[in-house]
Amino acid sequence: MRTIQKPNSRNRSDVQIDPTLEEYRDKILFPEKLKKANELLKNTKLPSRKRSN
């Protein structure tokens, strides 16, 4: 017979997000890196997908 285990409080996260970080939500912090990443993604070819039958 199996017994039901009680929830372990160690599995819960005690992380609280600092509310002052909200000012960065819609800001682009590194525009040069973002531009470079977008260029790389635009010019990169994706590998062909192999289909299994």
C-alpha atoms as a PDB file:
ATOM      1  CA  MET A   1       0.000   0.000   0.000  1.00  0.00           C
ATOM      2  CA  ARG A   2       1.327   3.417  -0.950  1.00  0.00           C
ATOM      3  CA  THR A   3       1.047   6.455   1.228  1.00  0.00           C
ATOM      4  CA  ILE A   4       0.411   9.924  -0.098  1.00  0.00           C
ATOM      5  CA  GLN A   5       3.294  12.259   0.526  1.00  0.00           C
ATOM      6  CA  LYS A   6       2.661  15.738   1.784  1.00  0.00           C
ATOM      7  CA  PRO A   7       3.898  18.590  -0.428  1.00  0.00           C
ATOM      8  CA  ASN A   8       7.471  19.458   0.271  1.00  0.00           C
ATOM      9  CA  SER A   9       7.975  23.137   1.041  1.00  0.00           C
ATOM     10  CA  ARG A  10      11.517  22.958  -0.355  1.00  0.00           C
ATOM     11  CA  ASN A  11      10.109  22.510  -3.862  1.00  0.00           C
ATOM     12  CA  ARG A  12       8.542  25.948  -3.837  1.00  0.00           C
ATOM     13  CA  SER A  13      10.505  28.916  -5.019  1.00  0.00           C
ATOM     14  CA  ASP A  14      10.959  31.869  -2.684  1.00  0.00           C
ATOM     15  CA  VAL A  15      12.033  34.255  -5.436  1.00  0.00           C
ATOM     16  CA  GLN A  16      10.519  37.709  -5.514  1.00  0.00           C
ATOM     17  CA  ILE A  17      11.006  39.880  -8.579  1.00  0.00           C
ATOM     18  CA  ASP A  18      12.118  43.414  -7.842  1.00  0.00           C
ATOM     19  CA  PRO A  19       9.370  45.818  -9.010  1.00  0.00           C
ATOM     20  CA  THR A  20      11.933  48.433 -10.072  1.00  0.00           C
ATOM     21  CA  LEU A  21      12.810  46.169 -13.023  1.00  0.00           C
ATOM     22  CA  GLU A  22       9.488  47.086 -14.666  1.00  0.00           C
ATOM     23  CA  GLU A  23      11.119  50.190 -16.164  1.00  0.00           C
ATOM     24  CA  TYR A  24      13.164  47.920 -18.459  1.00  0.00           C
ATOM     25  CA  ARG A  25      10.200  45.928 -19.783  1.00  0.00           C
ATOM     26  CA  ASP A  26       9.824  47.735 -23.131  1.00  0.00           C
ATOM     27  CA  LYS A  27      13.359  49.109 -23.473  1.00  0.00           C
ATOM     28  CA  ILE A  28      15.955  47.669 -25.821  1.00  0.00           C
ATOM     29  CA  LEU A  29      19.076  47.617 -23.688  1.00  0.00           C
ATOM     30  CA  PHE A  30      21.557  46.511 -26.363  1.00  0.00           C
ATOM     31  CA  PRO A  31      20.373  47.836 -29.749  1.00  0.00           C
ATOM     32  CA  GLU A  32      23.640  46.997 -31.532  1.00  0.00           C
ATOM     33  CA  LYS A  33      23.517  43.370 -30.431  1.00  0.00           C
ATOM     34  CA  LEU A  34      19.831  43.127 -31.327  1.00  0.00           C
ATOM     35  CA  LYS A  35      20.505  44.490 -34.814  1.00  0.00           C
ATOM     36  CA  LYS A  36      23.366  42.026 -35.328  1.00  0.00           C
ATOM     37  CA  ALA A  37      21.269  39.098 -34.075  1.00  0.00           C
ATOM     38  CA  ASN A  38      18.381  40.015 -36.378  1.00  0.00           C
ATOM     39  CA  GLU A  39      20.749  40.204 -39.365  1.00  0.00           C
ATOM     40  CA  LEU A  40      22.209  36.801 -38.538  1.00  0.00           C
ATOM     41  CA  LEU A  41      18.744  35.286 -38.236  1.00  0.00           C
ATOM     42  CA  LYS A  42      17.644  36.864 -41.505  1.00  0.00           C
ATOM     43  CA  ASN A  43      20.613  35.456 -43.433  1.00  0.00           C
ATOM     44  CA  THR A  44      20.803  32.044 -41.791  1.00  0.00           C
ATOM     45  CA  LYS A  45      19.456  29.048 -43.643  1.00  0.00           C
ATOM     46  CA  LEU A  46      17.692  26.481 -41.541  1.00  0.00           C
ATOM     47  CA  PRO A  47      18.623  22.815 -41.980  1.00  0.00           C
ATOM     48  CA  SER A  48      16.257  20.748 -44.074  1.00  0.00           C
ATOM     49  CA  ARG A  49      13.762  18.671 -42.167  1.00  0.00           C
ATOM     50  CA  LYS A  50      13.904  14.941 -42.702  1.00  0.00           C
ATOM     51  CA  ARG A  51      10.474  13.391 -42.816  1.00  0.00           C
ATOM     52  CA  SER A  52      10.017   9.865 -41.596  1.00  0.00           C
ATOM     53  CA  ASN A  53       7.376   7.786 -43.346  1.00  0.00           C
END
